[in-house]
Amino acid sequence: MPTSDAEGKDWSLGWFRYHLPDTVCDVGPGEGTYAKLFRPIHEGVWWTGIEVHRPFVTKYKLKTTKARKMYDEIHVQDVRESPAHLFHRDCVIAGDVLEHMPREDAVALLHRIVEGPEDSTGANHILISLPIVESIQGEVDGNPHEAHLHQWDADDMDQVLAGLGGKVDSLRGATLGVWWWNRG
């Protein structure tokens, strides 16, 4: 869904406040949950959004205007096909998005986010939030990309992130698991 459960948001906000990234790429922003939550904490941040479902950009007013601060730059595309330079950010957020792709695609995407473009590094931090309980979901509001294609287990995500190197902190809630990975 383009919305997100409140579980883990305060924890995520604490890590965001601690690191204060200046550039953020939000993968699958949906209704803009993280921009709304984090922007007031650090107003100088450049926000990039990668949204696969074009109607969400208009429906949720994701583009920044003079009257509203959301995303400074929006790319309407499947993140798996996004150019690597979009991951050369202080922080990449994958909030409630990795469950919408096959596991092997999600793991490959995380590696691409860490590796970044050929001439630079990838993200310094990655925030991940996803369901860690059975969460069967199909198309929502005409968006086929909302279907859950993989049911994640928290231990599995722990292992995937350990394979990226760096340092990982996590929170396991009743519904969502949340991870903050940093390059260390």
Protein backbone atom coordinates (compact mmCIF):
# COMPACT_ATOMS: atom_id res chain seq x y z
CA MET A 1 0.00 0.00 0.00
CA PRO A 2 1.16 3.57 -0.48
CA THR A 3 0.79 3.98 3.29
CA SER A 4 2.97 2.58 6.04
CA ASP A 5 2.40 1.17 9.50
CA ALA A 6 3.56 3.53 12.28
CA GLU A 7 5.66 0.78 13.86
CA GLY A 8 9.37 1.64 13.85
CA LYS A 9 8.93 5.22 12.62
CA ASP A 10 10.14 6.80 15.90
CA TRP A 11 13.15 4.47 15.89
CA SER A 12 13.90 5.42 12.26
CA LEU A 13 13.51 9.10 13.07
CA GLY A 14 16.06 8.71 15.86
CA TRP A 15 18.66 7.30 13.44
CA PHE A 16 17.87 9.98 10.87
CA ARG A 17 18.28 12.68 13.53
CA TYR A 18 21.58 11.12 14.64
CA HIS A 19 23.12 10.94 11.14
CA LEU A 20 21.40 13.99 9.53
CA PRO A 21 21.97 12.99 5.90
CA ASP A 22 22.09 15.85 3.39
CA THR A 23 20.90 13.78 0.42
CA VAL A 24 18.19 11.13 0.51
CA CYS A 25 16.77 8.78 -2.11
CA ASP A 26 13.38 7.37 -1.10
CA VAL A 27 12.57 4.22 -3.06
CA GLY A 28 8.82 3.79 -3.46
CA PRO A 29 7.73 6.85 -1.50
CA GLY A 30 4.02 6.05 -1.87
CA GLU A 31 2.26 8.86 -0.01
CA GLY A 32 5.58 10.40 1.10
CA THR A 33 5.65 9.00 4.63
CA TYR A 34 9.38 9.47 5.22
CA ALA A 35 9.66 12.91 3.63
CA LYS A 36 6.79 14.13 5.81
CA LEU A 37 8.38 12.61 8.92
CA PHE A 38 12.04 13.49 8.34
CA ARG A 39 12.02 16.84 6.47
CA PRO A 40 11.12 18.95 9.55
CA ILE A 41 14.17 17.52 11.38
CA HIS A 42 16.71 18.53 8.73
CA GLU A 43 15.29 21.03 6.25
CA GLY A 44 18.35 21.35 4.04
CA VAL A 45 18.06 17.80 2.71
CA TRP A 46 17.81 17.15 -1.05
CA TRP A 47 15.11 14.51 -1.48
CA THR A 48 14.98 12.21 -4.52
CA GLY A 49 12.02 9.88 -4.97
CA ILE A 50 11.86 6.82 -7.21
CA GLU A 51 8.21 5.86 -7.68
CA VAL A 52 7.15 3.07 -10.03
CA HIS A 53 3.45 4.07 -10.16
CA ARG A 54 3.00 7.44 -11.92
CA PRO A 55 -0.51 8.13 -10.52
CA PHE A 56 0.94 8.28 -6.97
CA VAL A 57 3.09 11.31 -7.91
CA THR A 58 -0.03 13.38 -8.57
CA LYS A 59 -2.38 11.72 -6.07
CA TYR A 60 -0.01 12.25 -3.13
CA LYS A 61 1.51 15.54 -4.40
CA LEU A 62 5.04 14.18 -4.18
CA LYS A 63 6.74 16.99 -6.15
CA THR A 64 8.04 19.93 -4.09
CA THR A 65 6.39 23.29 -4.81
CA LYS A 66 6.76 26.76 -3.29
CA ALA A 67 4.01 25.92 -0.81
CA ARG A 68 4.90 22.31 -0.05
CA LYS A 69 8.18 20.52 0.63
CA MET A 70 8.20 16.89 -0.49
CA TYR A 71 10.59 15.53 -3.14
CA ASP A 72 12.98 17.85 -4.99
CA GLU A 73 13.35 15.31 -7.77
CA ILE A 74 11.04 12.45 -8.77
CA HIS A 75 11.91 9.58 -11.12
CA VAL A 76 8.99 7.49 -12.32
CA GLN A 77 10.56 4.10 -12.94
CA ASP A 78 11.16 0.66 -11.53
CA VAL A 79 14.06 1.08 -9.10
CA ARG A 80 15.62 -2.13 -10.42
CA GLU A 81 16.21 -0.23 -13.67
CA SER A 82 17.30 3.06 -12.09
CA PRO A 83 20.73 4.46 -12.90
CA ALA A 84 23.30 3.80 -10.18
CA HIS A 85 24.02 7.51 -9.65
CA LEU A 86 20.66 7.82 -7.86
CA PHE A 87 22.13 5.67 -5.07
CA HIS A 88 25.10 8.01 -4.53
CA ARG A 89 23.30 9.56 -1.56
CA ASP A 90 23.90 9.93 2.14
CA CYS A 91 20.84 7.77 2.78
CA VAL A 92 18.63 5.51 0.67
CA ILE A 93 15.26 4.58 2.13
CA ALA A 94 13.59 1.32 1.15
CA GLY A 95 10.51 1.64 3.32
CA ASP A 96 7.88 -1.01 2.64
CA VAL A 97 9.21 -1.71 -0.85
CA LEU A 98 11.46 -4.79 -0.88
CA GLU A 99 8.53 -7.14 -0.27
CA HIS A 100 7.10 -5.99 -3.62
CA MET A 101 9.81 -7.76 -5.62
CA PRO A 102 11.25 -11.27 -5.71
CA ARG A 103 13.87 -11.89 -3.01
CA GLU A 104 16.73 -12.19 -5.53
CA ASP A 105 15.80 -8.80 -7.04
CA ALA A 106 15.68 -7.18 -3.59
CA VAL A 107 19.10 -8.59 -2.64
CA ALA A 108 20.59 -7.45 -5.98
CA LEU A 109 19.08 -3.99 -5.45
CA LEU A 110 20.64 -3.68 -1.99
CA HIS A 111 24.03 -4.59 -3.45
CA ARG A 112 23.57 -1.97 -6.22
CA ILE A 113 22.63 0.66 -3.61
CA VAL A 114 25.84 -0.06 -1.66
CA GLU A 115 28.06 -0.24 -4.76
CA GLY A 116 26.70 2.93 -6.42
CA PRO A 117 27.97 4.29 -9.73
CA GLU A 118 31.29 3.28 -11.31
CA ASP A 119 32.96 6.59 -10.45
CA SER A 120 31.81 6.85 -6.83
CA THR A 121 30.38 4.99 -3.84
CA GLY A 122 26.79 4.16 -3.18
CA ALA A 123 24.73 5.05 -0.14
CA ASN A 124 26.37 5.72 3.21
CA HIS A 125 23.19 4.60 4.99
CA ILE A 126 20.19 2.45 4.09
CA LEU A 127 16.93 2.46 6.01
CA ILE A 128 14.80 -0.63 5.38
CA SER A 129 11.32 -1.29 6.72
CA LEU A 130 9.22 -4.30 5.75
CA PRO A 131 6.68 -6.77 7.11
CA ILE A 132 8.21 -9.66 9.06
CA VAL A 133 4.92 -11.49 9.48
CA GLU A 134 2.82 -13.11 6.78
CA SER A 135 1.46 -10.20 4.79
CA ILE A 136 -0.30 -11.40 1.68
CA GLN A 137 -1.32 -8.55 -0.57
CA GLY A 138 -2.32 -8.23 -4.21
CA GLU A 139 -2.90 -5.23 -6.45
CA VAL A 140 -4.10 -2.09 -4.61
CA ASP A 141 -5.96 0.83 -6.22
CA GLY A 142 -5.10 -0.37 -9.72
CA ASN A 143 -1.39 -0.61 -8.92
CA PRO A 144 -0.06 -4.10 -9.70
CA HIS A 145 3.29 -3.17 -8.08
CA GLU A 146 1.59 -3.24 -4.66
CA ALA A 147 1.47 -7.05 -4.67
CA HIS A 148 3.74 -8.71 -2.11
CA LEU A 149 6.04 -11.08 -3.98
CA HIS A 150 8.22 -12.18 -1.06
CA GLN A 151 7.47 -12.75 2.62
CA TRP A 152 10.59 -11.67 4.50
CA ASP A 153 11.87 -13.23 7.67
CA ALA A 154 13.85 -10.90 9.97
CA ASP A 155 16.75 -13.36 10.27
CA ASP A 156 16.98 -13.54 6.48
CA MET A 157 17.24 -9.76 6.18
CA ASP A 158 19.86 -9.76 8.95
CA GLN A 159 21.97 -12.16 6.87
CA VAL A 160 21.48 -10.19 3.65
CA LEU A 161 22.61 -6.97 5.33
CA ALA A 162 25.56 -8.67 7.03
CA GLY A 163 26.68 -9.69 3.55
CA LEU A 164 26.92 -6.00 2.59
CA GLY A 165 29.60 -5.30 5.20
CA GLY A 166 29.26 -2.19 7.32
CA LYS A 167 27.25 -1.96 10.51
CA VAL A 168 23.58 -2.79 11.09
CA ASP A 169 21.14 -1.83 13.81
CA SER A 170 17.62 -3.22 13.81
CA LEU A 171 14.25 -3.18 15.48
CA ARG A 172 11.81 -6.08 15.29
CA GLY A 173 8.27 -5.08 15.97
CA ALA A 174 5.07 -7.10 16.02
CA THR A 175 4.49 -6.48 12.30
CA LEU A 176 7.48 -4.66 10.80
CA GLY A 177 11.22 -5.14 10.94
CA VAL A 178 13.31 -2.00 10.55
CA TRP A 179 17.03 -1.88 9.80
CA TRP A 180 19.54 0.98 9.62
CA TRP A 181 22.64 -0.10 7.67
CA ASN A 182 25.68 2.16 7.49
CA ARG A 183 28.95 1.88 5.68
CA GLY A 184 30.72 2.00 9.02
